[in-house]
Protein backbone atom coordinates (compact mmCIF):
# COMPACT_ATOMS: atom_id res chain seq x y z
CA MET A 1 69.67 243.55 21.11
CA LEU A 2 69.29 243.66 17.37
CA GLN A 3 70.40 246.73 15.59
CA PHE A 4 69.18 247.54 12.11
CA ARG A 5 71.16 249.71 9.82
CA SER A 6 69.39 251.35 6.98
CA LYS A 7 71.19 252.21 3.81
CA ILE A 8 70.36 255.26 1.82
CA ILE A 9 70.52 254.47 -1.84
CA VAL A 10 71.67 257.37 -3.95
CA ASN A 11 71.08 257.21 -7.65
CA LYS A 12 74.60 257.36 -9.04
CA SER A 13 73.67 256.04 -12.41
CA PRO A 14 76.26 256.78 -15.08
CA HIS A 15 73.43 258.03 -17.27
CA SER A 16 71.70 260.64 -15.16
CA SER A 17 69.04 262.84 -16.68
CA LYS A 18 71.50 265.74 -16.94
CA ASP A 19 73.87 263.60 -18.98
CA LYS A 20 71.02 262.52 -21.23
CA VAL A 21 69.98 266.12 -21.86
CA ILE A 22 73.56 267.15 -22.61
CA GLY A 23 73.89 264.22 -25.00
CA LEU A 24 70.69 265.26 -26.76
CA ILE A 25 71.93 268.83 -27.11
CA ARG A 26 75.17 267.50 -28.63
CA ILE A 27 73.19 265.50 -31.18
CA VAL A 28 71.10 268.55 -32.09
CA ILE A 29 74.22 270.70 -32.52
CA LEU A 30 75.87 268.07 -34.73
CA PHE A 31 72.68 267.79 -36.80
CA GLN A 32 72.62 271.58 -37.24
CA LEU A 33 76.28 271.55 -38.29
CA GLY A 34 75.41 268.86 -40.83
CA ILE A 35 72.65 271.04 -42.28
CA VAL A 36 74.97 274.04 -42.56
CA GLY A 37 77.73 271.89 -44.06
CA ALA A 38 75.37 270.41 -46.64
CA THR A 39 74.08 273.88 -47.54
CA ILE A 40 77.58 275.24 -48.00
CA PHE A 41 78.55 272.16 -50.03
CA GLY A 42 75.45 272.70 -52.18
CA CYS A 43 76.58 276.24 -52.95
CA PHE A 44 79.68 274.83 -54.66
CA MET A 45 77.79 272.36 -56.83
CA PRO A 46 77.79 273.15 -60.55
CA GLY A 47 74.70 275.03 -61.63
CA LYS A 48 73.73 276.10 -58.11
CA VAL A 49 73.76 279.73 -57.07
CA CYS A 50 73.64 280.83 -53.45
CA ASP A 51 71.90 284.16 -53.20
CA SER A 52 71.94 286.52 -50.26
CA ASP A 53 68.96 284.74 -48.64
CA VAL A 54 70.85 281.44 -48.47
CA LYS A 55 73.94 283.19 -47.11
CA GLN A 56 71.83 284.92 -44.46
CA HIS A 57 70.24 281.58 -43.53
CA ILE A 58 73.72 280.05 -43.11
CA ALA A 59 74.80 282.98 -40.92
CA ASN A 60 71.66 282.65 -38.78
CA MET A 61 72.22 278.90 -38.33
CA MET A 62 75.83 279.50 -37.30
CA THR A 63 74.61 282.01 -34.70
CA VAL A 64 72.17 279.45 -33.31
CA ILE A 65 74.89 276.78 -33.23
CA THR A 66 77.28 279.13 -31.43
CA THR A 67 74.63 279.98 -28.85
CA SER A 68 73.75 276.30 -28.36
CA THR A 69 77.39 275.36 -27.97
CA PHE A 70 77.90 278.02 -25.32
CA ALA A 71 74.80 276.80 -23.49
CA LEU A 72 76.13 273.24 -23.61
CA TYR A 73 79.48 274.39 -22.27
CA ALA A 74 77.79 276.28 -19.42
CA ALA A 75 75.58 273.29 -18.59
CA GLU A 76 78.57 270.96 -18.32
CA LYS A 77 80.31 273.22 -15.83
């Protein structure tokens, strides 16, 4: 009698969709940090003045980055 064994193939790709999403979130967070860093650097350039609107924008971006980082941390767990 012949006996057939079937194999169940499970997708154990090292690059699952969850890993791709987490990688994309990391890229977005780093891009946002770059924007904030460039804005802060621009405030120290000669002849440039950072008013309260720019400072508020920097604070808002840092809040968004903090929230995104926490979401990334929670998604990895």
